[in-house]
Amino acid sequence: MATRKEAKKKSLLQLLAVIIAVVVIVVAVVLFQNWRSNKPGAQPQDIKVTASVGDESMEVAPYMVCEPGADCPEGEVPNLVVGENDTLKIEVPDDIASNQWQLLTIYDDPAANDEQLHGAGETTVVEVPGSVEGASEGKKAHLAVVEVSAVLLGTNEGGEETPYTAVWSLSTLAPDELAAATATSSAPAE
């Protein structure tokens, strides 16, 4: 039979083991939280928005990314055809959805254009109709362009964290409409 002294020693060792286990768990949780809060996010120019219509889907890279007030070079605008009766589904990643962001929908009838503001964490998916009722009675306005924009934090050339304005743009025109729009925009000014 164990003596009283041995039982006391055993109890003390058990208590010490529990205290050590609790300290290790607390330190691990604190280190994980510190790592998680200081982990750099994706750079704005690397974030992609997903656009899909039916079975067709594409990832859209930013059209423009720049520091506020700076001249911003424009990128290419991809095209995903959205028919009159189709619905365009826009999915934004958490890097965008965790911030305030906006969706601009541009139709061939300016009266139908719309802008939706989304708060941080509100939504990651938005559905946009291929056509809506236009200003002219009985005539539908067809979706032409969709833009997602947000102000995101990124790292500048000096390694400092700075805000960037990022815009993801997507044309939704049919090939013949796109060719006509491109010809009109590249025509020389008189």
N, C-alpha and C. Protein backbone atom coordinates (compact mmCIF):
# COMPACT_ATOMS: atom_id res chain seq x y z
N MET A 1 0.82 -1.18 0.00
CA MET A 1 0.00 0.00 0.00
C MET A 1 0.87 1.25 0.00
N ALA A 2 0.43 2.22 -0.77
CA ALA A 2 1.19 3.46 -0.89
C ALA A 2 1.06 4.26 0.39
N THR A 3 2.15 4.84 0.73
CA THR A 3 2.12 5.67 1.93
C THR A 3 1.46 7.00 1.60
N ARG A 4 1.20 7.67 2.67
CA ARG A 4 0.54 8.97 2.51
C ARG A 4 1.44 9.94 1.74
N LYS A 5 2.71 9.86 1.96
CA LYS A 5 3.67 10.73 1.30
C LYS A 5 3.71 10.44 -0.20
N GLU A 6 3.67 9.17 -0.58
CA GLU A 6 3.67 8.80 -1.99
C GLU A 6 2.38 9.25 -2.68
N ALA A 7 1.25 9.14 -2.00
CA ALA A 7 -0.03 9.57 -2.55
C ALA A 7 -0.04 11.08 -2.78
N LYS A 8 0.53 11.82 -1.84
CA LYS A 8 0.59 13.27 -1.96
C LYS A 8 1.49 13.65 -3.14
N LYS A 9 2.62 12.93 -3.28
CA LYS A 9 3.55 13.18 -4.37
C LYS A 9 2.88 12.90 -5.72
N LYS A 10 2.12 11.80 -5.79
CA LYS A 10 1.41 11.43 -7.01
C LYS A 10 0.37 12.49 -7.38
N SER A 11 -0.36 13.00 -6.39
CA SER A 11 -1.36 14.05 -6.62
C SER A 11 -0.70 15.33 -7.12
N LEU A 12 0.43 15.67 -6.54
CA LEU A 12 1.17 16.86 -6.97
C LEU A 12 1.66 16.71 -8.41
N LEU A 13 2.15 15.54 -8.78
CA LEU A 13 2.60 15.30 -10.15
C LEU A 13 1.44 15.40 -11.14
N GLN A 14 0.29 14.88 -10.76
CA GLN A 14 -0.89 14.97 -11.62
C GLN A 14 -1.32 16.43 -11.81
N LEU A 15 -1.32 17.18 -10.74
CA LEU A 15 -1.68 18.59 -10.80
C LEU A 15 -0.69 19.36 -11.67
N LEU A 16 0.60 19.06 -11.51
CA LEU A 16 1.64 19.71 -12.30
C LEU A 16 1.46 19.37 -13.79
N ALA A 17 1.13 18.12 -14.10
CA ALA A 17 0.91 17.71 -15.49
C ALA A 17 -0.27 18.45 -16.10
N VAL A 18 -1.35 18.62 -15.33
CA VAL A 18 -2.53 19.36 -15.81
C VAL A 18 -2.17 20.82 -16.06
N ILE A 19 -1.42 21.42 -15.15
CA ILE A 19 -1.02 22.83 -15.30
C ILE A 19 -0.15 23.00 -16.55
N ILE A 20 0.80 22.09 -16.75
CA ILE A 20 1.67 22.16 -17.93
C ILE A 20 0.84 22.01 -19.21
N ALA A 21 -0.11 21.08 -19.22
CA ALA A 21 -0.96 20.88 -20.39
C ALA A 21 -1.77 22.14 -20.70
N VAL A 22 -2.33 22.78 -19.68
CA VAL A 22 -3.11 24.00 -19.87
C VAL A 22 -2.22 25.12 -20.42
N VAL A 23 -1.02 25.27 -19.88
CA VAL A 23 -0.09 26.30 -20.35
C VAL A 23 0.27 26.06 -21.82
N VAL A 24 0.55 24.81 -22.19
CA VAL A 24 0.90 24.49 -23.57
C VAL A 24 -0.27 24.83 -24.50
N ILE A 25 -1.49 24.49 -24.11
CA ILE A 25 -2.67 24.78 -24.93
C ILE A 25 -2.86 26.29 -25.08
N VAL A 26 -2.74 27.04 -23.99
CA VAL A 26 -2.91 28.49 -24.04
C VAL A 26 -1.86 29.12 -24.95
N VAL A 27 -0.61 28.69 -24.83
CA VAL A 27 0.47 29.23 -25.67
C VAL A 27 0.20 28.91 -27.14
N ALA A 28 -0.24 27.69 -27.42
CA ALA A 28 -0.54 27.30 -28.80
C ALA A 28 -1.66 28.15 -29.38
N VAL A 29 -2.72 28.39 -28.62
CA VAL A 29 -3.84 29.20 -29.09
C VAL A 29 -3.39 30.64 -29.34
N VAL A 30 -2.61 31.21 -28.44
CA VAL A 30 -2.13 32.58 -28.60
C VAL A 30 -1.23 32.69 -29.83
N LEU A 31 -0.33 31.74 -30.02
CA LEU A 31 0.55 31.76 -31.20
C LEU A 31 -0.25 31.63 -32.49
N PHE A 32 -1.25 30.74 -32.50
CA PHE A 32 -2.08 30.56 -33.69
C PHE A 32 -2.84 31.85 -34.02
N GLN A 33 -3.45 32.47 -33.01
CA GLN A 33 -4.21 33.71 -33.24
C GLN A 33 -3.29 34.82 -33.75
N ASN A 34 -2.09 34.90 -33.19
CA ASN A 34 -1.13 35.90 -33.63
C ASN A 34 -0.73 35.66 -35.09
N TRP A 35 -0.46 34.41 -35.44
CA TRP A 35 -0.11 34.07 -36.82
C TRP A 35 -1.26 34.40 -37.76
N ARG A 36 -2.47 34.04 -37.35
CA ARG A 36 -3.64 34.25 -38.20
C ARG A 36 -3.91 35.73 -38.44
N SER A 37 -3.77 36.54 -37.40
CA SER A 37 -4.06 37.97 -37.57
C SER A 37 -2.95 38.71 -38.31
N ASN A 38 -1.74 38.19 -38.30
CA ASN A 38 -0.63 38.84 -39.00
C ASN A 38 -0.30 38.22 -40.35
N LYS A 39 -1.04 37.18 -40.72
CA LYS A 39 -0.80 36.50 -41.99
C LYS A 39 -1.17 37.45 -43.13
N PRO A 40 -0.24 37.66 -44.07
CA PRO A 40 -0.58 38.55 -45.18
C PRO A 40 -1.63 37.93 -46.08
N GLY A 41 -2.58 38.76 -46.51
CA GLY A 41 -3.62 38.29 -47.42
C GLY A 41 -3.11 38.32 -48.85
N ALA A 42 -3.93 37.90 -49.76
CA ALA A 42 -3.57 37.93 -51.17
C ALA A 42 -3.45 39.38 -51.63
N GLN A 43 -2.53 39.63 -52.55
CA GLN A 43 -2.38 40.96 -53.12
C GLN A 43 -3.59 41.24 -54.02
N PRO A 44 -4.10 42.46 -54.05
CA PRO A 44 -5.29 42.77 -54.86
C PRO A 44 -5.16 42.34 -56.32
N GLN A 45 -3.98 42.48 -56.91
CA GLN A 45 -3.81 42.11 -58.32
C GLN A 45 -3.88 40.59 -58.55
N ASP A 46 -3.80 39.79 -57.48
CA ASP A 46 -3.85 38.33 -57.60
C ASP A 46 -5.24 37.75 -57.33
N ILE A 47 -6.17 38.58 -56.87
CA ILE A 47 -7.51 38.10 -56.51
C ILE A 47 -8.37 38.02 -57.77
N LYS A 48 -9.10 36.92 -57.90
CA LYS A 48 -9.97 36.73 -59.07
C LYS A 48 -11.41 36.55 -58.63
N VAL A 49 -12.31 37.06 -59.47
CA VAL A 49 -13.75 36.93 -59.28
C VAL A 49 -14.22 35.85 -60.26
N THR A 50 -15.18 35.03 -59.85
CA THR A 50 -15.70 33.99 -60.73
C THR A 50 -17.05 34.42 -61.29
N ALA A 51 -17.18 34.33 -62.62
CA ALA A 51 -18.43 34.66 -63.29
C ALA A 51 -18.90 33.41 -64.02
N SER A 52 -20.20 33.12 -63.93
CA SER A 52 -20.72 31.94 -64.62
C SER A 52 -22.13 32.18 -65.14
N VAL A 53 -22.38 31.54 -66.28
CA VAL A 53 -23.70 31.54 -66.91
C VAL A 53 -23.95 30.10 -67.32
N GLY A 54 -24.98 29.49 -66.74
CA GLY A 54 -25.25 28.09 -67.04
C GLY A 54 -24.05 27.23 -66.69
N ASP A 55 -23.55 26.47 -67.67
CA ASP A 55 -22.40 25.59 -67.44
C ASP A 55 -21.07 26.27 -67.72
N GLU A 56 -21.11 27.47 -68.28
CA GLU A 56 -19.88 28.18 -68.63
C GLU A 56 -19.44 29.07 -67.47
N SER A 57 -18.15 28.98 -67.13
CA SER A 57 -17.62 29.73 -66.00
C SER A 57 -16.24 30.26 -66.35
N MET A 58 -15.88 31.41 -65.78
CA MET A 58 -14.53 31.95 -65.99
C MET A 58 -14.09 32.73 -64.76
N GLU A 59 -12.77 32.74 -64.56
CA GLU A 59 -12.19 33.56 -63.50
C GLU A 59 -11.77 34.88 -64.13
N VAL A 60 -12.14 35.96 -63.48
CA VAL A 60 -11.87 37.30 -64.00
C VAL A 60 -10.80 37.97 -63.15
N ALA A 61 -9.69 38.32 -63.78
CA ALA A 61 -8.61 39.04 -63.11
C ALA A 61 -8.98 40.52 -63.04
N PRO A 62 -8.35 41.27 -62.14
CA PRO A 62 -8.68 42.70 -62.05
C PRO A 62 -8.41 43.45 -63.35
N TYR A 63 -9.31 44.35 -63.68
CA TYR A 63 -9.20 45.23 -64.83
C TYR A 63 -8.24 46.38 -64.48
N MET A 64 -8.35 46.86 -63.24
CA MET A 64 -7.50 47.94 -62.75
C MET A 64 -7.20 47.71 -61.28
N VAL A 65 -5.95 47.98 -60.89
CA VAL A 65 -5.55 47.96 -59.48
C VAL A 65 -4.56 49.09 -59.29
N CYS A 66 -4.88 50.03 -58.41
CA CYS A 66 -3.94 51.12 -58.17
C CYS A 66 -4.22 51.77 -56.82
N GLU A 67 -3.20 52.49 -56.35
CA GLU A 67 -3.36 53.24 -55.12
C GLU A 67 -4.28 54.43 -55.42
N PRO A 68 -5.14 54.81 -54.47
CA PRO A 68 -6.04 55.94 -54.71
C PRO A 68 -5.26 57.19 -55.11
N GLY A 69 -5.74 57.86 -56.15
CA GLY A 69 -5.12 59.09 -56.62
C GLY A 69 -4.02 58.87 -57.66
N ALA A 70 -3.61 57.63 -57.87
CA ALA A 70 -2.55 57.35 -58.85
C ALA A 70 -3.18 57.06 -60.22
N ASP A 71 -2.40 57.33 -61.28
CA ASP A 71 -2.86 56.96 -62.62
C ASP A 71 -2.89 55.44 -62.70
N CYS A 72 -3.95 54.93 -63.26
CA CYS A 72 -4.18 53.50 -63.23
C CYS A 72 -4.22 52.93 -64.65
N PRO A 73 -3.28 52.07 -65.00
CA PRO A 73 -3.36 51.45 -66.33
C PRO A 73 -4.53 50.48 -66.40
N GLU A 74 -5.19 50.49 -67.54
CA GLU A 74 -6.35 49.61 -67.72
C GLU A 74 -5.90 48.28 -68.29
N GLY A 75 -6.58 47.22 -67.88
CA GLY A 75 -6.28 45.89 -68.39
C GLY A 75 -7.29 45.47 -69.44
N GLU A 76 -7.28 44.21 -69.75
CA GLU A 76 -8.22 43.64 -70.72
C GLU A 76 -9.54 43.32 -70.04
N VAL A 77 -10.63 43.50 -70.77
CA VAL A 77 -11.95 43.16 -70.26
C VAL A 77 -12.38 41.86 -70.94
N PRO A 78 -12.48 40.77 -70.17
CA PRO A 78 -12.92 39.51 -70.78
C PRO A 78 -14.41 39.56 -71.12
N ASN A 79 -14.83 38.65 -71.97
CA ASN A 79 -16.23 38.62 -72.40
C ASN A 79 -16.83 37.25 -72.08
N LEU A 80 -18.00 37.26 -71.48
CA LEU A 80 -18.79 36.05 -71.22
C LEU A 80 -20.21 36.38 -71.66
N VAL A 81 -20.67 35.72 -72.70
CA VAL A 81 -21.98 36.03 -73.28
C VAL A 81 -23.09 35.67 -72.30
N VAL A 82 -23.96 36.66 -72.03
CA VAL A 82 -25.13 36.47 -71.18
C VAL A 82 -26.35 36.79 -72.03
N GLY A 83 -27.16 35.78 -72.28
CA GLY A 83 -28.36 35.96 -73.09
C GLY A 83 -29.45 36.71 -72.34
N GLU A 84 -30.45 37.13 -73.09
CA GLU A 84 -31.57 37.90 -72.54
C GLU A 84 -32.26 37.18 -71.38
N ASN A 85 -32.40 35.87 -71.48
CA ASN A 85 -33.10 35.10 -70.45
C ASN A 85 -32.15 34.39 -69.49
N ASP A 86 -30.85 34.66 -69.62
CA ASP A 86 -29.85 34.03 -68.74
C ASP A 86 -29.68 34.84 -67.46
N THR A 87 -29.04 34.21 -66.50
CA THR A 87 -28.67 34.89 -65.25
C THR A 87 -27.17 34.73 -65.06
N LEU A 88 -26.49 35.84 -64.85
CA LEU A 88 -25.06 35.84 -64.59
C LEU A 88 -24.85 35.71 -63.09
N LYS A 89 -24.04 34.75 -62.70
CA LYS A 89 -23.73 34.54 -61.28
C LYS A 89 -22.31 35.04 -61.04
N ILE A 90 -22.16 35.98 -60.13
CA ILE A 90 -20.86 36.54 -59.76
C ILE A 90 -20.53 36.04 -58.36
N GLU A 91 -19.36 35.41 -58.23
CA GLU A 91 -18.88 34.94 -56.93
C GLU A 91 -17.60 35.69 -56.58
N VAL A 92 -17.60 36.35 -55.42
CA VAL A 92 -16.40 37.05 -54.98
C VAL A 92 -15.75 36.24 -53.86
N PRO A 93 -14.43 36.16 -53.84
CA PRO A 93 -13.75 35.41 -52.78
C PRO A 93 -13.81 36.17 -51.46
N ASP A 94 -13.46 35.48 -50.38
CA ASP A 94 -13.49 36.09 -49.05
C ASP A 94 -12.61 37.33 -48.96
N ASP A 95 -11.52 37.37 -49.74
CA ASP A 95 -10.64 38.55 -49.72
C ASP A 95 -11.39 39.81 -50.11
N ILE A 96 -12.40 39.69 -50.95
CA ILE A 96 -13.25 40.83 -51.33
C ILE A 96 -14.44 40.92 -50.39
N ALA A 97 -15.13 39.80 -50.17
CA ALA A 97 -16.37 39.79 -49.38
C ALA A 97 -16.16 40.23 -47.94
N SER A 98 -14.95 40.10 -47.42
CA SER A 98 -14.69 40.51 -46.04
C SER A 98 -14.52 42.02 -45.92
N ASN A 99 -14.62 42.72 -47.03
CA ASN A 99 -14.56 44.19 -47.08
C ASN A 99 -15.84 44.71 -47.71
N GLN A 100 -16.04 46.02 -47.64
CA GLN A 100 -17.17 46.61 -48.36
C GLN A 100 -16.83 46.58 -49.84
N TRP A 101 -17.80 46.19 -50.67
CA TRP A 101 -17.57 46.13 -52.12
C TRP A 101 -18.84 46.51 -52.84
N GLN A 102 -18.72 46.81 -54.13
CA GLN A 102 -19.91 47.21 -54.89
C GLN A 102 -19.95 46.50 -56.23
N LEU A 103 -21.17 46.36 -56.72
CA LEU A 103 -21.43 45.73 -58.02
C LEU A 103 -22.14 46.75 -58.89
N LEU A 104 -21.56 47.05 -60.04
CA LEU A 104 -22.16 47.98 -60.99
C LEU A 104 -22.62 47.17 -62.20
N THR A 105 -23.90 47.30 -62.54
CA THR A 105 -24.43 46.62 -63.73
C THR A 105 -24.81 47.69 -64.74
N ILE A 106 -24.28 47.54 -65.96
CA ILE A 106 -24.52 48.50 -67.03
C ILE A 106 -25.30 47.80 -68.14
N TYR A 107 -26.44 48.39 -68.48
CA TYR A 107 -27.31 47.84 -69.52
C TYR A 107 -27.27 48.73 -70.75
N ASP A 108 -27.81 48.24 -71.88
CA ASP A 108 -27.82 49.06 -73.09
C ASP A 108 -28.82 50.21 -73.00
N ASP A 109 -29.62 50.24 -71.97
CA ASP A 109 -30.51 51.37 -71.66
C ASP A 109 -30.01 51.97 -70.34
N PRO A 110 -29.39 53.15 -70.37
CA PRO A 110 -28.80 53.73 -69.16
C PRO A 110 -29.77 53.85 -67.98
N ALA A 111 -31.06 53.94 -68.26
CA ALA A 111 -32.03 54.06 -67.16
C ALA A 111 -32.10 52.77 -66.34
N ALA A 112 -31.63 51.66 -66.89
CA ALA A 112 -31.68 50.38 -66.19
C ALA A 112 -30.41 50.09 -65.39
N ASN A 113 -29.37 50.91 -65.57
CA ASN A 113 -28.12 50.69 -64.84
C ASN A 113 -28.37 50.69 -63.34
N ASP A 114 -27.55 49.92 -62.62
CA ASP A 114 -27.77 49.77 -61.19
C ASP A 114 -26.43 49.60 -60.48
N GLU A 115 -26.41 50.02 -59.22
CA GLU A 115 -25.23 49.84 -58.38
C GLU A 115 -25.69 49.27 -57.05
N GLN A 116 -25.07 48.19 -56.63
CA GLN A 116 -25.40 47.56 -55.35
C GLN A 116 -24.18 47.64 -54.44
N LEU A 117 -24.38 48.13 -53.23
CA LEU A 117 -23.31 48.17 -52.24
C LEU A 117 -23.48 46.99 -51.29
N HIS A 118 -22.38 46.31 -50.99
CA HIS A 118 -22.40 45.16 -50.10
C HIS A 118 -21.43 45.42 -48.95
N GLY A 119 -21.93 45.27 -47.73
CA GLY A 119 -21.09 45.45 -46.56
C GLY A 119 -20.18 44.25 -46.34
N ALA A 120 -19.20 44.45 -45.49
CA ALA A 120 -18.25 43.38 -45.19
C ALA A 120 -18.98 42.16 -44.64
N GLY A 121 -18.72 41.01 -45.23
CA GLY A 121 -19.28 39.75 -44.77
C GLY A 121 -20.74 39.52 -45.12
N GLU A 122 -21.37 40.40 -45.88
CA GLU A 122 -22.80 40.25 -46.21
C GLU A 122 -23.07 39.14 -47.21
N THR A 123 -22.29 39.09 -48.29
CA THR A 123 -22.56 38.10 -49.33
C THR A 123 -21.32 37.83 -50.15
N THR A 124 -21.30 36.63 -50.75
CA THR A 124 -20.20 36.27 -51.65
C THR A 124 -20.72 35.95 -53.06
N VAL A 125 -22.03 35.85 -53.21
CA VAL A 125 -22.63 35.49 -54.50
C VAL A 125 -23.75 36.47 -54.84
N VAL A 126 -23.74 36.95 -56.09
CA VAL A 126 -24.79 37.85 -56.57
C VAL A 126 -25.24 37.33 -57.94
N GLU A 127 -26.55 37.35 -58.17
CA GLU A 127 -27.09 36.95 -59.46
C GLU A 127 -27.61 38.19 -60.18
N VAL A 128 -27.22 38.32 -61.46
CA VAL A 128 -27.58 39.48 -62.27
C VAL A 128 -28.37 38.99 -63.48
N PRO A 129 -29.58 39.53 -63.69
CA PRO A 129 -30.38 39.10 -64.86
C PRO A 129 -29.77 39.60 -66.17
N GLY A 130 -29.91 38.79 -67.21
CA GLY A 130 -29.40 39.16 -68.54
C GLY A 130 -30.17 40.31 -69.16
N SER A 131 -31.39 40.53 -68.70
CA SER A 131 -32.18 41.67 -69.17
C SER A 131 -33.15 42.08 -68.07
N VAL A 132 -33.50 43.35 -68.08
CA VAL A 132 -34.47 43.90 -67.14
C VAL A 132 -35.40 44.84 -67.91
N GLU A 133 -36.47 45.25 -67.27
CA GLU A 133 -37.38 46.21 -67.91
C GLU A 133 -36.64 47.52 -68.11
N GLY A 134 -36.70 48.04 -69.32
CA GLY A 134 -36.03 49.29 -69.64
C GLY A 134 -36.93 50.49 -69.41
N ALA A 135 -36.42 51.66 -69.75
CA ALA A 135 -37.19 52.89 -69.59
C ALA A 135 -38.32 52.95 -70.61
N SER A 136 -38.08 52.38 -71.79
CA SER A 136 -39.13 52.35 -72.82
C SER A 136 -40.09 51.22 -72.49
N GLU A 137 -41.37 51.53 -72.50
CA GLU A 137 -42.37 50.53 -72.15
C GLU A 137 -42.34 49.36 -73.13
N GLY A 138 -42.32 48.16 -72.59
CA GLY A 138 -42.33 46.96 -73.41
C GLY A 138 -40.98 46.58 -74.00
N LYS A 139 -39.96 47.37 -73.76
CA LYS A 139 -38.64 47.07 -74.30
C LYS A 139 -37.70 46.69 -73.16
N LYS A 140 -36.99 45.58 -73.34
CA LYS A 140 -36.06 45.13 -72.30
C LYS A 140 -34.67 45.73 -72.52
N ALA A 141 -34.01 46.01 -71.42
CA ALA A 141 -32.63 46.47 -71.46
C ALA A 141 -31.73 45.26 -71.27
N HIS A 142 -30.71 45.11 -72.13
CA HIS A 142 -29.82 43.95 -72.10
C HIS A 142 -28.53 44.29 -71.36
N LEU A 143 -28.07 43.35 -70.55
CA LEU A 143 -26.84 43.52 -69.78
C LEU A 143 -25.65 43.65 -70.72
N ALA A 144 -24.79 44.65 -70.48
CA ALA A 144 -23.62 44.89 -71.33
C ALA A 144 -22.31 44.71 -70.57
N VAL A 145 -22.24 45.24 -69.35
CA VAL A 145 -21.01 45.20 -68.56
C VAL A 145 -21.36 45.03 -67.09
N VAL A 146 -20.52 44.27 -66.39
CA VAL A 146 -20.65 44.12 -64.94
C VAL A 146 -19.29 44.46 -64.34
N GLU A 147 -19.29 45.28 -63.30
CA GLU A 147 -18.05 45.62 -62.61
C GLU A 147 -18.18 45.39 -61.12
N VAL A 148 -17.16 44.77 -60.54
CA VAL A 148 -17.04 44.61 -59.10
C VAL A 148 -15.89 45.50 -58.68
N SER A 149 -16.07 46.29 -57.64
CA SER A 149 -14.98 47.14 -57.17
C SER A 149 -14.91 47.13 -55.65
N ALA A 150 -13.69 47.31 -55.15
CA ALA A 150 -13.47 47.31 -53.71
C ALA A 150 -12.15 48.02 -53.42
N VAL A 151 -12.03 48.50 -52.20
CA VAL A 151 -10.76 49.03 -51.71
C VAL A 151 -10.18 47.95 -50.82
N LEU A 152 -8.99 47.47 -51.19
CA LEU A 152 -8.36 46.35 -50.49
C LEU A 152 -6.96 46.75 -50.04
N LEU A 153 -6.47 46.09 -49.01
CA LEU A 153 -5.10 46.34 -48.56
C LEU A 153 -4.14 45.45 -49.33
N GLY A 154 -3.02 46.04 -49.71
CA GLY A 154 -1.97 45.30 -50.39
C GLY A 154 -0.63 45.86 -49.94
N THR A 155 0.44 45.32 -50.50
CA THR A 155 1.78 45.76 -50.15
C THR A 155 2.37 46.50 -51.34
N ASN A 156 2.87 47.72 -51.10
CA ASN A 156 3.45 48.50 -52.19
C ASN A 156 4.89 48.07 -52.44
N GLU A 157 5.55 48.74 -53.40
CA GLU A 157 6.93 48.38 -53.76
C GLU A 157 7.89 48.55 -52.60
N GLY A 158 7.58 49.43 -51.66
CA GLY A 158 8.43 49.65 -50.49
C GLY A 158 8.17 48.65 -49.38
N GLY A 159 7.25 47.71 -49.61
CA GLY A 159 6.95 46.70 -48.60
C GLY A 159 5.97 47.16 -47.54
N GLU A 160 5.37 48.33 -47.73
CA GLU A 160 4.42 48.86 -46.76
C GLU A 160 3.00 48.51 -47.16
N GLU A 161 2.17 48.28 -46.16
CA GLU A 161 0.76 47.98 -46.41
C GLU A 161 0.05 49.28 -46.81
N THR A 162 -0.70 49.23 -47.90
CA THR A 162 -1.36 50.43 -48.41
C THR A 162 -2.69 50.05 -49.06
N PRO A 163 -3.66 50.97 -49.09
CA PRO A 163 -4.94 50.65 -49.75
C PRO A 163 -4.81 50.71 -51.27
N TYR A 164 -5.54 49.84 -51.93
CA TYR A 164 -5.61 49.81 -53.39
C TYR A 164 -7.06 49.80 -53.80
N THR A 165 -7.37 50.53 -54.88
CA THR A 165 -8.69 50.44 -55.49
C THR A 165 -8.58 49.38 -56.58
N ALA A 166 -9.45 48.38 -56.51
CA ALA A 166 -9.42 47.29 -57.49
C ALA A 166 -10.77 47.20 -58.18
N VAL A 167 -10.74 46.98 -59.50
CA VAL A 167 -11.97 46.86 -60.30
C VAL A 167 -11.84 45.61 -61.17
N TRP A 168 -12.85 44.77 -61.11
CA TRP A 168 -12.96 43.60 -61.98
C TRP A 168 -14.09 43.89 -62.95
N SER A 169 -13.81 43.85 -64.25
CA SER A 169 -14.80 44.21 -65.26
C SER A 169 -15.04 43.03 -66.19
N LEU A 170 -16.30 42.85 -66.59
CA LEU A 170 -16.68 41.75 -67.47
C LEU A 170 -17.70 42.24 -68.49
N SER A 171 -17.40 42.05 -69.76
CA SER A 171 -18.35 42.35 -70.82
C SER A 171 -19.27 41.14 -70.99
N THR A 172 -20.54 41.39 -71.28
CA THR A 172 -21.50 40.29 -71.41
C THR A 172 -22.17 40.29 -72.78
N LEU A 173 -21.58 40.99 -73.74
CA LEU A 173 -22.18 41.15 -75.06
C LEU A 173 -21.98 39.90 -75.93
N ALA A 174 -22.90 39.71 -76.86
CA ALA A 174 -22.77 38.66 -77.87
C ALA A 174 -21.64 39.08 -78.81
N PRO A 175 -21.00 38.14 -79.52
CA PRO A 175 -19.85 38.47 -80.38
C PRO A 175 -20.12 39.61 -81.38
N ASP A 176 -21.29 39.64 -82.02
CA ASP A 176 -21.57 40.71 -82.99
C ASP A 176 -21.72 42.06 -82.29
N GLU A 177 -22.34 42.08 -81.11
CA GLU A 177 -22.49 43.32 -80.34
C GLU A 177 -21.12 43.80 -79.86
N LEU A 178 -20.28 42.86 -79.44
CA LEU A 178 -18.94 43.20 -78.97
C LEU A 178 -18.10 43.79 -80.11
N ALA A 179 -18.18 43.21 -81.30
CA ALA A 179 -17.44 43.72 -82.46
C ALA A 179 -17.91 45.13 -82.80
N ALA A 180 -19.22 45.36 -82.76
CA ALA A 180 -19.76 46.69 -83.06
C ALA A 180 -19.32 47.71 -82.01
N ALA A 181 -19.34 47.32 -80.74
CA ALA A 181 -18.92 48.22 -79.66
C ALA A 181 -17.43 48.53 -79.76
N THR A 182 -16.62 47.54 -80.10
CA THR A 182 -15.18 47.75 -80.25
C THR A 182 -14.89 48.66 -81.42
N ALA A 183 -15.59 48.48 -82.53
CA ALA A 183 -15.40 49.33 -83.72
C ALA A 183 -15.77 50.77 -83.41
N THR A 184 -16.85 50.97 -82.65
CA THR A 184 -17.30 52.31 -82.29
C THR A 184 -16.30 52.99 -81.37
N SER A 185 -15.77 52.26 -80.39
CA SER A 185 -14.86 52.87 -79.42
C SER A 185 -13.48 53.12 -80.00
N SER A 186 -13.09 52.40 -81.07
CA SER A 186 -11.77 52.62 -81.66
C SER A 186 -11.82 53.52 -82.89
N ALA A 187 -13.01 54.02 -83.25
CA ALA A 187 -13.13 54.92 -84.39
C ALA A 187 -12.46 56.25 -84.06
N PRO A 188 -11.72 56.84 -85.01
CA PRO A 188 -11.04 58.11 -84.74
C PRO A 188 -12.04 59.23 -84.51
N ALA A 189 -11.69 60.11 -83.58
CA ALA A 189 -12.55 61.26 -83.28
C ALA A 189 -12.38 62.31 -84.37
N GLU A 190 -13.46 62.97 -84.72
CA GLU A 190 -13.40 63.98 -85.78
C GLU A 190 -13.28 65.35 -85.18
